[in-house]
């Protein structure tokens, strides 16, 4: 990519070059201005500008998304929102800490604590003890105004479905880095040199355990691409069909036009984990650049092929 710029920016540059659209890339690509005749359009971050403002806000709010999906009968991992005490009089009734502890007690397998509007898997913690909960909440509230708590579930498979106007453009699974045991070495020993600096995402009881011979163990409990997972396109079949069906129901529920829906399989059932309004495909583009560029191009076609007002 030119100068190491994001694939998102490169895809927009290529589209504009093919369609005689002026493009002005600002702030290292964070802001992009496009113009063709009287029509002007902007992108910000990974928001390509297709969605309505309310759909964009709902998708970026994990708790609001879960509420709407539950109301619409779409299976999902429910997220509970908690407001930062810094918000003062805007906080809901007192007792947030008690409610957080109650969620932890109700989920002995643990809970996941994360920014309610965070992206890219940053500041996401698996919590099984009260002290861990205190540390996670403190760190998130040091940078964010809201956080979300969801029950920890054993995710057997995570799939991302990217849809434009409810049409699936890309369907891929996220495969976590893993090692195979030899019956002699611990998980930590087997993982040395594999994903340096990412062992902090393992369950604390696992790193020093001997991995039985022939048994495969994931090195990360998360399927996030920024923590070592790799994207692989899914072939058409029963699994991809089920993922597309539930993802399409999710985008209809919140009224969003262009989105990336994370769908997870737990205990054999598919559920929506999150909806992303900013469609980020950097890791995918490293493997499937033409597909990524074609997906962004389809979204831009929707913008530039509409009549001007």
Protein backbone atom coordinates (compact mmCIF):
# COMPACT_ATOMS: atom_id res chain seq x y z
CA UNK A 1 0.00 0.00 0.00
CA UNK A 2 1.29 3.53 -0.75
CA UNK A 3 3.29 4.72 2.25
CA UNK A 4 1.83 1.92 4.35
CA UNK A 5 -1.62 3.54 4.31
CA UNK A 6 -4.72 1.65 5.39
CA UNK A 7 -6.40 -0.66 2.88
CA UNK A 8 -9.59 1.34 3.44
CA UNK A 9 -7.86 4.47 2.07
CA UNK A 10 -6.29 2.59 -0.83
CA UNK A 11 -9.67 1.14 -1.82
CA UNK A 12 -11.23 4.60 -1.87
CA UNK A 13 -8.34 6.05 -3.89
CA UNK A 14 -8.73 3.28 -6.48
CA UNK A 15 -12.49 3.77 -6.69
CA UNK A 16 -12.18 7.51 -7.16
CA UNK A 17 -9.51 7.07 -9.87
CA UNK A 18 -11.83 4.76 -11.83
CA UNK A 19 -14.87 7.02 -11.53
CA UNK A 20 -13.34 10.46 -12.13
CA UNK A 21 -13.91 11.56 -8.54
CA UNK A 22 -11.64 14.09 -6.86
CA UNK A 23 -10.25 12.76 -3.59
CA UNK A 24 -8.53 14.66 -0.79
CA UNK A 25 -7.03 12.47 1.94
CA UNK A 26 -6.54 14.30 5.24
CA UNK A 27 -5.27 13.40 8.72
CA UNK A 28 -3.36 10.33 7.44
CA UNK A 29 -6.55 9.02 5.92
CA UNK A 30 -8.78 9.46 8.96
CA UNK A 31 -10.79 12.04 7.00
CA UNK A 32 -11.36 11.66 3.26
CA UNK A 33 -13.21 14.20 1.10
CA UNK A 34 -14.57 13.18 -2.30
CA UNK A 35 -16.20 15.32 -4.98
CA UNK A 36 -17.72 14.68 -8.38
CA UNK A 37 -19.48 17.66 -9.85
CA UNK A 38 -21.92 19.07 -7.29
CA UNK A 39 -21.81 15.95 -5.12
CA UNK A 40 -19.49 15.92 -2.14
CA UNK A 41 -19.03 13.04 0.27
CA UNK A 42 -16.87 12.33 3.32
CA UNK A 43 -15.60 9.31 5.18
CA UNK A 44 -14.35 9.38 8.76
CA UNK A 45 -12.36 6.58 10.30
CA UNK A 46 -13.93 3.44 8.88
CA UNK A 47 -17.36 5.01 8.47
CA UNK A 48 -17.95 5.15 4.73
CA UNK A 49 -21.05 7.29 5.17
CA UNK A 50 -23.84 4.99 3.96
CA UNK A 51 -25.75 4.56 7.22
CA UNK A 52 -28.16 6.94 8.92
CA UNK A 53 -26.85 8.68 12.02
CA UNK A 54 -29.20 6.79 14.37
CA UNK A 55 -28.32 3.39 12.85
CA UNK A 56 -24.63 4.24 13.17
CA UNK A 57 -25.06 5.21 16.83
CA UNK A 58 -27.12 2.13 17.67
CA UNK A 59 -24.57 -0.23 16.10
CA UNK A 60 -21.73 1.43 17.99
CA UNK A 61 -23.58 0.99 21.29
CA UNK A 62 -23.28 -2.67 22.30
CA UNK A 63 -25.97 -2.48 24.97
CA UNK A 64 -28.48 -0.65 22.74
CA UNK A 65 -27.85 -3.17 19.96
CA UNK A 66 -28.49 -6.08 22.33
CA UNK A 67 -31.69 -4.46 23.61
CA UNK A 68 -33.07 -3.96 20.11
CA UNK A 69 -32.09 -7.45 18.97
CA UNK A 70 -33.76 -8.97 22.03
CA UNK A 71 -36.91 -6.94 21.37
CA UNK A 72 -36.86 -8.14 17.76
CA UNK A 73 -36.42 -11.79 18.65
CA UNK A 74 -32.90 -12.04 17.19
CA UNK A 75 -30.68 -14.34 19.30
CA UNK A 76 -27.77 -12.37 20.76
CA UNK A 77 -25.23 -12.16 23.56
CA UNK A 78 -26.80 -9.64 25.91
CA UNK A 79 -24.71 -6.65 27.04
CA UNK A 80 -25.54 -4.61 30.16
CA UNK A 81 -24.51 -0.95 30.13
CA UNK A 82 -22.94 0.91 33.08
CA UNK A 83 -22.20 4.64 33.18
CA UNK A 84 -18.96 6.18 34.37
CA UNK A 85 -19.37 7.96 37.74
CA UNK A 86 -17.71 10.98 36.12
CA UNK A 87 -21.03 11.60 34.38
CA UNK A 88 -22.37 12.84 37.72
CA UNK A 89 -26.07 13.63 37.71
CA UNK A 90 -26.56 11.79 34.42
CA UNK A 91 -25.88 8.43 36.07
CA UNK A 92 -28.78 6.07 36.63
CA UNK A 93 -29.80 5.18 40.18
CA UNK A 94 -26.97 4.26 42.55
CA UNK A 95 -25.97 0.67 42.94
CA UNK A 96 -24.04 0.13 39.70
CA UNK A 97 -21.21 -1.64 41.51
CA UNK A 98 -23.68 -3.96 43.23
CA UNK A 99 -25.27 -4.72 39.86
CA UNK A 100 -21.85 -5.49 38.34
CA UNK A 101 -21.04 -7.89 41.18
CA UNK A 102 -24.44 -9.49 40.81
CA UNK A 103 -23.76 -10.20 37.14
CA UNK A 104 -20.45 -11.81 38.09
CA UNK A 105 -22.16 -13.96 40.73
CA UNK A 106 -24.84 -15.01 38.23
CA UNK A 107 -22.18 -16.14 35.75
CA UNK A 108 -19.70 -18.42 37.56
CA UNK A 109 -17.94 -19.10 34.24
CA UNK A 110 -17.05 -15.39 34.18
CA UNK A 111 -18.09 -12.21 32.44
CA UNK A 112 -16.55 -10.06 29.71
CA UNK A 113 -16.07 -6.39 30.51
CA UNK A 114 -15.48 -4.00 27.62
CA UNK A 115 -16.06 -0.40 26.51
CA UNK A 116 -19.68 -0.06 25.46
CA UNK A 117 -18.65 1.83 22.33
CA UNK A 118 -15.13 0.45 21.88
CA UNK A 119 -13.72 -1.08 18.72
CA UNK A 120 -10.91 -3.40 17.60
CA UNK A 121 -11.03 -5.43 20.82
CA UNK A 122 -9.25 -2.83 22.95
CA UNK A 123 -9.66 -2.92 26.75
CA UNK A 124 -11.62 -6.18 26.72
CA UNK A 125 -11.28 -8.31 29.86
CA UNK A 126 -12.45 -11.75 30.91
CA UNK A 127 -13.29 -11.56 34.61
CA UNK A 128 -13.92 -14.38 37.08
CA UNK A 129 -13.11 -12.70 40.42
CA UNK A 130 -14.18 -9.53 42.21
CA UNK A 131 -10.66 -8.06 42.19
CA UNK A 132 -10.38 -8.66 38.44
CA UNK A 133 -13.71 -6.90 38.02
CA UNK A 134 -12.47 -3.89 40.00
CA UNK A 135 -9.32 -3.62 37.87
CA UNK A 136 -11.19 -3.99 34.58
CA UNK A 137 -13.83 -1.43 35.48
CA UNK A 138 -11.20 1.02 36.72
CA UNK A 139 -9.15 0.75 33.53
CA UNK A 140 -12.13 1.15 31.21
CA UNK A 141 -13.62 4.07 33.14
CA UNK A 142 -10.24 5.82 33.00
CA UNK A 143 -10.78 6.27 29.25
CA UNK A 144 -14.47 5.69 28.47
CA UNK A 145 -17.80 7.08 29.68
CA UNK A 146 -19.64 3.76 29.48
CA UNK A 147 -18.83 0.08 29.71
CA UNK A 148 -20.72 -3.11 28.91
CA UNK A 149 -20.75 -6.42 30.73
CA UNK A 150 -21.73 -9.64 28.98
CA UNK A 151 -21.70 -13.25 30.18
CA UNK A 152 -18.61 -15.17 29.10
CA UNK A 153 -19.57 -17.97 26.74
CA UNK A 154 -17.39 -20.68 25.26
CA UNK A 155 -17.33 -19.64 21.61
CA UNK A 156 -16.92 -22.61 19.32
CA UNK A 157 -16.74 -20.49 16.18
CA UNK A 158 -16.93 -16.79 15.30
CA UNK A 159 -17.97 -15.55 11.87
CA UNK A 160 -18.14 -12.03 10.46
CA UNK A 161 -20.81 -11.26 7.86
CA UNK A 162 -20.48 -7.99 5.94
CA UNK A 163 -23.76 -6.90 4.40
CA UNK A 164 -24.80 -4.09 2.09
CA UNK A 165 -28.56 -3.55 1.88
CA UNK A 166 -28.99 -6.98 3.52
CA UNK A 167 -26.96 -8.64 0.77
CA UNK A 168 -23.94 -10.61 2.05
CA UNK A 169 -20.76 -9.22 0.49
CA UNK A 170 -18.22 -11.16 2.57
CA UNK A 171 -18.55 -14.07 5.00
CA UNK A 172 -15.45 -15.21 6.86
CA UNK A 173 -14.55 -17.04 10.02
CA UNK A 174 -11.97 -15.85 12.54
CA UNK A 175 -9.50 -18.57 13.44
CA UNK A 176 -7.57 -18.11 16.68
CA UNK A 177 -3.85 -18.96 16.83
CA UNK A 178 -3.35 -22.38 18.39
CA UNK A 179 -0.76 -25.06 19.20
CA UNK A 180 -0.88 -28.85 19.40
CA UNK A 181 0.26 -30.51 22.63
CA UNK A 182 3.04 -33.06 22.90
CA UNK A 183 2.29 -34.29 26.43
CA UNK A 184 5.55 -32.78 27.75
CA UNK A 185 5.40 -29.02 27.40
CA UNK A 186 3.14 -26.37 28.91
CA UNK A 187 0.95 -24.08 26.87
CA UNK A 188 3.33 -21.22 27.62
CA UNK A 189 6.32 -23.21 26.39
CA UNK A 190 4.53 -24.32 23.22
CA UNK A 191 3.48 -20.77 22.47
CA UNK A 192 6.92 -19.16 22.79
CA UNK A 193 7.70 -17.17 19.67
CA UNK A 194 4.19 -17.72 18.29
CA UNK A 195 2.34 -14.60 19.38
CA UNK A 196 4.69 -12.63 21.65
CA UNK A 197 2.99 -10.36 24.14
CA UNK A 198 -0.47 -11.90 23.71
CA UNK A 199 -0.42 -14.54 26.44
CA UNK A 200 -2.16 -12.11 28.81
CA UNK A 201 -5.40 -13.03 27.05
CA UNK A 202 -5.21 -16.67 28.16
CA UNK A 203 -7.11 -18.00 31.14
CA UNK A 204 -4.71 -17.65 34.08
CA UNK A 205 -4.91 -21.34 34.94
CA UNK A 206 -3.87 -22.48 31.49
CA UNK A 207 -0.36 -21.21 30.62
CA UNK A 208 1.53 -23.54 32.97
CA UNK A 209 -0.57 -26.64 32.27
CA UNK A 210 0.90 -29.54 30.28
CA UNK A 211 -1.02 -29.89 27.02
CA UNK A 212 -1.90 -33.56 26.29
CA UNK A 213 -0.35 -35.05 23.19
CA UNK A 214 -2.35 -34.34 20.05
CA UNK A 215 -4.71 -31.90 21.75
CA UNK A 216 -5.13 -28.49 20.09
CA UNK A 217 -5.31 -25.44 22.36
CA UNK A 218 -6.10 -21.87 21.38
CA UNK A 219 -3.61 -19.25 22.53
CA UNK A 220 -6.27 -16.59 23.03
CA UNK A 221 -9.82 -16.78 24.33
CA UNK A 222 -10.84 -14.01 21.93
CA UNK A 223 -11.36 -14.25 18.17
CA UNK A 224 -10.28 -10.67 17.56
CA UNK A 225 -8.12 -10.11 14.49
CA UNK A 226 -6.00 -7.56 16.37
CA UNK A 227 -5.00 -10.21 18.93
CA UNK A 228 -3.72 -12.81 16.50
CA UNK A 229 -6.79 -14.41 14.89
CA UNK A 230 -6.71 -14.91 11.12
CA UNK A 231 -9.56 -14.46 8.60
CA UNK A 232 -10.58 -17.28 6.26
CA UNK A 233 -13.44 -17.05 3.76
CA UNK A 234 -16.28 -19.48 4.43
CA UNK A 235 -17.53 -21.78 1.72
CA UNK A 236 -21.24 -21.86 1.04
CA UNK A 237 -22.96 -24.37 3.24
CA UNK A 238 -25.23 -24.85 6.21
CA UNK A 239 -23.00 -22.83 8.55
CA UNK A 240 -22.57 -19.80 6.31
CA UNK A 241 -26.28 -19.83 5.43
CA UNK A 242 -27.22 -19.77 9.11
CA UNK A 243 -24.79 -16.92 9.80
CA UNK A 244 -26.08 -14.83 6.89
CA UNK A 245 -29.69 -15.39 7.97
CA UNK A 246 -29.15 -14.20 11.54
CA UNK A 247 -26.90 -11.32 10.43
CA UNK A 248 -29.53 -10.10 7.97
CA UNK A 249 -32.18 -10.23 10.71
CA UNK A 250 -29.87 -8.18 12.95
CA UNK A 251 -29.28 -5.38 10.42
CA UNK A 252 -33.00 -5.22 9.67
CA UNK A 253 -33.72 -4.87 13.37
CA UNK A 254 -31.59 -1.74 13.79
CA UNK A 255 -32.16 -0.40 10.29
CA UNK A 256 -28.54 -0.31 9.17
CA UNK A 257 -27.47 -0.52 5.51
CA UNK A 258 -23.73 -1.30 5.55
CA UNK A 259 -22.37 -3.23 8.52
CA UNK A 260 -20.15 -6.03 9.75
CA UNK A 261 -22.03 -8.45 12.01
CA UNK A 262 -20.12 -10.77 14.33
CA UNK A 263 -22.00 -14.04 14.80
CA UNK A 264 -20.84 -16.68 17.29
CA UNK A 265 -21.71 -20.34 17.83
CA UNK A 266 -21.98 -21.45 21.44
CA UNK A 267 -23.52 -24.73 22.63
CA UNK A 268 -24.36 -25.39 18.99
CA UNK A 269 -26.51 -22.26 18.57
CA UNK A 270 -25.70 -19.13 16.55
CA UNK A 271 -26.09 -15.71 18.17
CA UNK A 272 -25.16 -12.14 17.31
CA UNK A 273 -22.25 -10.82 19.34
CA UNK A 274 -21.89 -7.29 17.92
CA UNK A 275 -22.74 -5.10 14.95
CA UNK A 276 -20.08 -2.78 13.54
CA UNK A 277 -21.13 0.30 11.59
CA UNK A 278 -17.56 1.17 10.65
CA UNK A 279 -16.63 -1.70 8.32
CA UNK A 280 -12.94 -2.41 8.92
CA UNK A 281 -11.31 -5.02 6.67
CA UNK A 282 -7.57 -4.44 7.09
CA UNK A 283 -6.67 -8.01 8.12
CA UNK A 284 -8.99 -9.46 5.50
CA UNK A 285 -7.48 -7.21 2.84
CA UNK A 286 -4.02 -8.62 3.50
CA UNK A 287 -5.34 -11.94 2.15
CA UNK A 288 -8.23 -10.96 -0.13
CA UNK A 289 -7.51 -7.44 -1.36
CA UNK A 290 -9.67 -7.59 -4.49
CA UNK A 291 -12.70 -8.75 -2.50
CA UNK A 292 -12.25 -5.97 0.06
CA UNK A 293 -11.87 -3.29 -2.62
CA UNK A 294 -14.95 -4.61 -4.43
CA UNK A 295 -16.99 -4.45 -1.21
CA UNK A 296 -16.05 -0.84 -0.51
CA UNK A 297 -16.69 -0.02 -4.17
CA UNK A 298 -20.22 -1.42 -3.94
CA UNK A 299 -20.90 0.81 -0.91
CA UNK A 300 -19.52 3.86 -2.75
CA UNK A 301 -21.62 3.01 -5.81
CA UNK A 302 -24.65 3.27 -3.58
CA UNK A 303 -23.58 6.83 -2.69
CA UNK A 304 -22.41 8.20 -6.03
CA UNK A 305 -25.10 6.55 -8.16
CA UNK A 306 -27.90 8.23 -6.19
CA UNK A 307 -29.49 11.39 -7.60
CA UNK A 308 -28.15 14.66 -6.17
CA UNK A 309 -30.52 16.75 -4.05
